[in-house]
């Protein structure tokens, strides 16, 4: 008799919990915000305009994390998401990461605004480690003069073209 009563109380408790859960699990609930950082294992899920950083010892596809673009360590931004690893990036000097497991690729460009300073190889962005630093850092070798729609101003020493804009840089040190 005691076992039967205990079992009935447990069943009623579970039913009450499910009833409360069902009553409050409607679509009126506010949407959850995205986590501050998201580890990205499927490049086809990336969004144009998202910023990424690499975890670990080097830039590789095993440690790509989506981060807030306003953060100081957000050196790279997704310019384009390709739906096939064989596809080519649009006009521009992109750093390309290919995800053969999901047949997708990312065309990455510096997450740059006027005044930002970077360490990057302007001759070969594809092989360059792109790092954003405070402009006083000894590793800095370029500063963003402008992010222009077409041509760069005179004070820019070089322009790095992309699909929607040109990154105007001057050498530092």
C-alpha atoms as a PDB file:
ATOM      1  CA  UNK A   1       0.000   0.000   0.000  1.00  0.00           C
ATOM      2  CA  UNK A   2       2.804   2.440   0.898  1.00  0.00           C
ATOM      3  CA  UNK A   3       4.628   1.623  -2.352  1.00  0.00           C
ATOM      4  CA  UNK A   4       1.469   2.267  -4.366  1.00  0.00           C
ATOM      5  CA  UNK A   5       0.925   5.643  -2.662  1.00  0.00           C
ATOM      6  CA  UNK A   6       4.573   6.641  -3.205  1.00  0.00           C
ATOM      7  CA  UNK A   7       4.342   5.664  -6.858  1.00  0.00           C
ATOM      8  CA  UNK A   8       1.122   7.674  -7.297  1.00  0.00           C
ATOM      9  CA  UNK A   9       2.708  10.748  -5.687  1.00  0.00           C
ATOM     10  CA  UNK A  10       5.727  10.477  -8.020  1.00  0.00           C
ATOM     11  CA  UNK A  11       3.521  10.095 -11.103  1.00  0.00           C
ATOM     12  CA  UNK A  12       1.384  13.080 -10.064  1.00  0.00           C
ATOM     13  CA  UNK A  13       4.510  15.172  -9.392  1.00  0.00           C
ATOM     14  CA  UNK A  14       5.884  14.384 -12.865  1.00  0.00           C
ATOM     15  CA  UNK A  15       2.535  15.193 -14.481  1.00  0.00           C
ATOM     16  CA  UNK A  16       2.309  18.465 -12.549  1.00  0.00           C
ATOM     17  CA  UNK A  17       5.865  19.386 -13.629  1.00  0.00           C
ATOM     18  CA  UNK A  18       5.087  18.599 -17.286  1.00  0.00           C
ATOM     19  CA  UNK A  19       1.854  20.624 -17.071  1.00  0.00           C
ATOM     20  CA  UNK A  20       3.682  23.658 -15.689  1.00  0.00           C
ATOM     21  CA  UNK A  21       6.451  23.263 -18.289  1.00  0.00           C
ATOM     22  CA  UNK A  22       3.912  23.024 -21.112  1.00  0.00           C
ATOM     23  CA  UNK A  23       2.001  26.081 -19.842  1.00  0.00           C
ATOM     24  CA  UNK A  24       5.113  28.259 -19.766  1.00  0.00           C
ATOM     25  CA  UNK A  25       6.917  26.939 -22.844  1.00  0.00           C
ATOM     26  CA  UNK A  26       4.873  28.895 -25.393  1.00  0.00           C
ATOM     27  CA  UNK A  27       6.371  31.109 -28.097  1.00  0.00           C
ATOM     28  CA  UNK A  28       5.858  34.234 -25.958  1.00  0.00           C
ATOM     29  CA  UNK A  29       9.294  33.635 -24.478  1.00  0.00           C
ATOM     30  CA  UNK A  30      11.896  36.187 -25.637  1.00  0.00           C
ATOM     31  CA  UNK A  31      14.489  34.921 -28.074  1.00  0.00           C
ATOM     32  CA  UNK A  32      17.722  33.856 -26.502  1.00  0.00           C
ATOM     33  CA  UNK A  33      20.725  35.950 -27.339  1.00  0.00           C
ATOM     34  CA  UNK A  34      23.685  34.372 -29.073  1.00  0.00           C
ATOM     35  CA  UNK A  35      26.594  33.409 -26.872  1.00  0.00           C
ATOM     36  CA  UNK A  36      29.467  35.866 -26.682  1.00  0.00           C
ATOM     37  CA  UNK A  37      31.608  33.420 -28.629  1.00  0.00           C
ATOM     38  CA  UNK A  38      30.656  30.374 -30.663  1.00  0.00           C
ATOM     39  CA  UNK A  39      33.024  27.615 -31.777  1.00  0.00           C
ATOM     40  CA  UNK A  40      32.488  27.119 -35.500  1.00  0.00           C
ATOM     41  CA  UNK A  41      32.881  23.612 -36.899  1.00  0.00           C
ATOM     42  CA  UNK A  42      30.722  23.962 -40.015  1.00  0.00           C
ATOM     43  CA  UNK A  43      31.744  26.938 -42.161  1.00  0.00           C
ATOM     44  CA  UNK A  44      28.460  26.848 -44.076  1.00  0.00           C
ATOM     45  CA  UNK A  45      26.800  28.071 -40.847  1.00  0.00           C
ATOM     46  CA  UNK A  46      28.920  31.244 -40.739  1.00  0.00           C
ATOM     47  CA  UNK A  47      27.319  34.557 -41.585  1.00  0.00           C
ATOM     48  CA  UNK A  48      28.699  37.364 -43.718  1.00  0.00           C
ATOM     49  CA  UNK A  49      29.855  40.141 -41.398  1.00  0.00           C
ATOM     50  CA  UNK A  50      30.600  37.834 -38.440  1.00  0.00           C
ATOM     51  CA  UNK A  51      34.000  38.237 -36.835  1.00  0.00           C
ATOM     52  CA  UNK A  52      36.247  35.297 -36.024  1.00  0.00           C
ATOM     53  CA  UNK A  53      39.417  34.546 -34.152  1.00  0.00           C
ATOM     54  CA  UNK A  54      41.635  31.526 -33.952  1.00  0.00           C
ATOM     55  CA  UNK A  55      42.237  29.509 -30.799  1.00  0.00           C
ATOM     56  CA  UNK A  56      45.438  27.629 -30.251  1.00  0.00           C
ATOM     57  CA  UNK A  57      48.962  27.938 -31.564  1.00  0.00           C
ATOM     58  CA  UNK A  58      48.200  28.947 -35.145  1.00  0.00           C
ATOM     59  CA  UNK A  59      45.512  29.863 -37.597  1.00  0.00           C
ATOM     60  CA  UNK A  60      43.790  26.658 -38.597  1.00  0.00           C
ATOM     61  CA  UNK A  61      40.263  25.422 -39.121  1.00  0.00           C
ATOM     62  CA  UNK A  62      40.302  23.452 -35.880  1.00  0.00           C
ATOM     63  CA  UNK A  63      40.109  26.515 -33.676  1.00  0.00           C
ATOM     64  CA  UNK A  64      37.841  29.046 -35.370  1.00  0.00           C
ATOM     65  CA  UNK A  65      35.537  30.935 -32.996  1.00  0.00           C
ATOM     66  CA  UNK A  66      32.884  33.525 -33.852  1.00  0.00           C
ATOM     67  CA  UNK A  67      33.356  36.588 -31.618  1.00  0.00           C
ATOM     68  CA  UNK A  68      31.929  40.064 -31.094  1.00  0.00           C
ATOM     69  CA  UNK A  69      33.249  42.368 -33.832  1.00  0.00           C
ATOM     70  CA  UNK A  70      33.723  45.181 -31.313  1.00  0.00           C
ATOM     71  CA  UNK A  71      36.216  43.165 -29.290  1.00  0.00           C
ATOM     72  CA  UNK A  72      39.898  44.006 -29.477  1.00  0.00           C
ATOM     73  CA  UNK A  73      40.895  40.504 -30.601  1.00  0.00           C
ATOM     74  CA  UNK A  74      38.420  40.329 -33.508  1.00  0.00           C
ATOM     75  CA  UNK A  75      40.994  40.707 -36.274  1.00  0.00           C
ATOM     76  CA  UNK A  76      39.131  38.900 -39.072  1.00  0.00           C
ATOM     77  CA  UNK A  77      35.639  39.300 -40.507  1.00  0.00           C
ATOM     78  CA  UNK A  78      33.707  36.956 -42.804  1.00  0.00           C
ATOM     79  CA  UNK A  79      33.435  38.710 -46.163  1.00  0.00           C
ATOM     80  CA  UNK A  80      31.707  35.858 -47.963  1.00  0.00           C
ATOM     81  CA  UNK A  81      30.579  32.301 -47.196  1.00  0.00           C
ATOM     82  CA  UNK A  82      31.130  29.953 -50.149  1.00  0.00           C
ATOM     83  CA  UNK A  83      28.855  26.932 -50.535  1.00  0.00           C
ATOM     84  CA  UNK A  84      31.556  24.784 -52.125  1.00  0.00           C
ATOM     85  CA  UNK A  85      35.252  24.352 -51.343  1.00  0.00           C
ATOM     86  CA  UNK A  86      36.031  24.678 -55.059  1.00  0.00           C
ATOM     87  CA  UNK A  87      34.303  28.084 -55.298  1.00  0.00           C
ATOM     88  CA  UNK A  88      36.342  31.287 -55.559  1.00  0.00           C
ATOM     89  CA  UNK A  89      36.057  34.376 -53.397  1.00  0.00           C
ATOM     90  CA  UNK A  90      34.766  37.536 -55.064  1.00  0.00           C
ATOM     91  CA  UNK A  91      37.122  40.373 -55.973  1.00  0.00           C
ATOM     92  CA  UNK A  92      39.578  40.900 -53.148  1.00  0.00           C
ATOM     93  CA  UNK A  93      42.639  39.757 -51.292  1.00  0.00           C
ATOM     94  CA  UNK A  94      40.859  37.393 -48.901  1.00  0.00           C
ATOM     95  CA  UNK A  95      42.307  34.856 -46.502  1.00  0.00           C
ATOM     96  CA  UNK A  96      40.472  31.649 -47.488  1.00  0.00           C
ATOM     97  CA  UNK A  97      39.677  28.784 -45.140  1.00  0.00           C
ATOM     98  CA  UNK A  98      38.161  25.667 -46.698  1.00  0.00           C
ATOM     99  CA  UNK A  99      35.987  23.148 -44.850  1.00  0.00           C
ATOM    100  CA  UNK A 100      36.093  19.977 -46.969  1.00  0.00           C
ATOM    101  CA  UNK A 101      33.950  18.027 -44.495  1.00  0.00           C
ATOM    102  CA  UNK A 102      30.983  20.377 -45.067  1.00  0.00           C
ATOM    103  CA  UNK A 103      31.949  21.528 -48.603  1.00  0.00           C
ATOM    104  CA  UNK A 104      32.094  25.196 -47.645  1.00  0.00           C
ATOM    105  CA  UNK A 105      34.702  27.939 -47.400  1.00  0.00           C
ATOM    106  CA  UNK A 106      35.115  31.324 -45.755  1.00  0.00           C
ATOM    107  CA  UNK A 107      36.568  34.408 -47.410  1.00  0.00           C
ATOM    108  CA  UNK A 108      38.052  36.378 -44.521  1.00  0.00           C
ATOM    109  CA  UNK A 109      39.222  39.984 -44.485  1.00  0.00           C
ATOM    110  CA  UNK A 110      40.605  42.218 -41.737  1.00  0.00           C
ATOM    111  CA  UNK A 111      37.987  43.579 -39.332  1.00  0.00           C
ATOM    112  CA  UNK A 112      39.192  47.116 -39.838  1.00  0.00           C
ATOM    113  CA  UNK A 113      38.116  50.658 -39.122  1.00  0.00           C
ATOM    114  CA  UNK A 114      39.983  53.932 -39.604  1.00  0.00           C
ATOM    115  CA  UNK A 115      42.872  54.126 -37.113  1.00  0.00           C
ATOM    116  CA  UNK A 116      43.134  50.378 -36.405  1.00  0.00           C
ATOM    117  CA  UNK A 117      46.615  48.843 -36.413  1.00  0.00           C
ATOM    118  CA  UNK A 118      47.554  45.371 -37.593  1.00  0.00           C
ATOM    119  CA  UNK A 119      50.401  42.994 -38.059  1.00  0.00           C
ATOM    120  CA  UNK A 120      49.878  41.402 -41.447  1.00  0.00           C
ATOM    121  CA  UNK A 121      51.825  40.499 -44.548  1.00  0.00           C
ATOM    122  CA  UNK A 122      50.495  42.921 -47.156  1.00  0.00           C
ATOM    123  CA  UNK A 123      52.174  40.917 -49.940  1.00  0.00           C
ATOM    124  CA  UNK A 124      50.472  37.617 -49.058  1.00  0.00           C
ATOM    125  CA  UNK A 125      47.375  37.965 -46.891  1.00  0.00           C
ATOM    126  CA  UNK A 126      46.451  34.320 -47.524  1.00  0.00           C
ATOM    127  CA  UNK A 127      49.514  33.077 -45.628  1.00  0.00           C
ATOM    128  CA  UNK A 128      49.683  35.971 -43.202  1.00  0.00           C
ATOM    129  CA  UNK A 129      48.716  35.748 -39.563  1.00  0.00           C
ATOM    130  CA  UNK A 130      46.363  38.725 -39.217  1.00  0.00           C
ATOM    131  CA  UNK A 131      46.537  40.256 -35.736  1.00  0.00           C
ATOM    132  CA  UNK A 132      45.004  43.490 -34.444  1.00  0.00           C
ATOM    133  CA  UNK A 133      47.044  45.404 -31.865  1.00  0.00           C
ATOM    134  CA  UNK A 134      47.228  48.701 -30.044  1.00  0.00           C
ATOM    135  CA  UNK A 135      49.089  51.042 -32.407  1.00  0.00           C
ATOM    136  CA  UNK A 136      52.004  51.402 -29.949  1.00  0.00           C
ATOM    137  CA  UNK A 137      52.744  47.649 -30.049  1.00  0.00           C
ATOM    138  CA  UNK A 138      56.121  46.776 -31.604  1.00  0.00           C
ATOM    139  CA  UNK A 139      54.582  44.109 -33.887  1.00  0.00           C
ATOM    140  CA  UNK A 140      52.339  46.588 -35.739  1.00  0.00           C
ATOM    141  CA  UNK A 141      53.376  47.106 -39.366  1.00  0.00           C
ATOM    142  CA  UNK A 142      50.286  48.789 -40.932  1.00  0.00           C
ATOM    143  CA  UNK A 143      47.619  51.274 -39.879  1.00  0.00           C
ATOM    144  CA  UNK A 144      44.222  51.739 -41.516  1.00  0.00           C
ATOM    145  CA  UNK A 145      44.008  55.205 -43.069  1.00  0.00           C
ATOM    146  CA  UNK A 146      40.516  54.715 -44.481  1.00  0.00           C
ATOM    147  CA  UNK A 147      37.922  52.155 -45.488  1.00  0.00           C
ATOM    148  CA  UNK A 148      36.860  53.548 -48.869  1.00  0.00           C
ATOM    149  CA  UNK A 149      34.151  52.610 -51.324  1.00  0.00           C
ATOM    150  CA  UNK A 150      36.500  52.977 -54.275  1.00  0.00           C
ATOM    151  CA  UNK A 151      39.881  54.718 -54.255  1.00  0.00           C
ATOM    152  CA  UNK A 152      42.138  55.494 -51.309  1.00  0.00           C
ATOM    153  CA  UNK A 153      43.200  58.970 -50.170  1.00  0.00           C
ATOM    154  CA  UNK A 154      46.729  60.229 -50.930  1.00  0.00           C
ATOM    155  CA  UNK A 155      48.117  59.454 -47.460  1.00  0.00           C
ATOM    156  CA  UNK A 156      47.472  55.725 -48.008  1.00  0.00           C
ATOM    157  CA  UNK A 157      50.511  53.831 -49.263  1.00  0.00           C
ATOM    158  CA  UNK A 158      48.541  50.845 -50.461  1.00  0.00           C
ATOM    159  CA  UNK A 159      44.984  49.771 -51.069  1.00  0.00           C
ATOM    160  CA  UNK A 160      43.716  46.250 -50.493  1.00  0.00           C
ATOM    161  CA  UNK A 161      40.566  45.743 -52.596  1.00  0.00           C
ATOM    162  CA  UNK A 162      37.542  43.726 -51.521  1.00  0.00           C
ATOM    163  CA  UNK A 163      34.130  43.161 -53.061  1.00  0.00           C
ATOM    164  CA  UNK A 164      32.379  46.062 -51.303  1.00  0.00           C
ATOM    165  CA  UNK A 165      35.259  48.319 -50.260  1.00  0.00           C
ATOM    166  CA  UNK A 166      38.976  49.054 -50.350  1.00  0.00           C
ATOM    167  CA  UNK A 167      41.116  48.897 -47.228  1.00  0.00           C
ATOM    168  CA  UNK A 168      43.541  51.852 -47.333  1.00  0.00           C
ATOM    169  CA  UNK A 169      46.757  51.283 -45.374  1.00  0.00           C
ATOM    170  CA  UNK A 170      49.994  53.026 -44.502  1.00  0.00           C
ATOM    171  CA  UNK A 171      53.124  51.245 -43.343  1.00  0.00           C
ATOM    172  CA  UNK A 172      54.244  51.725 -39.738  1.00  0.00           C
ATOM    173  CA  UNK A 173      57.905  51.205 -38.692  1.00  0.00           C
END
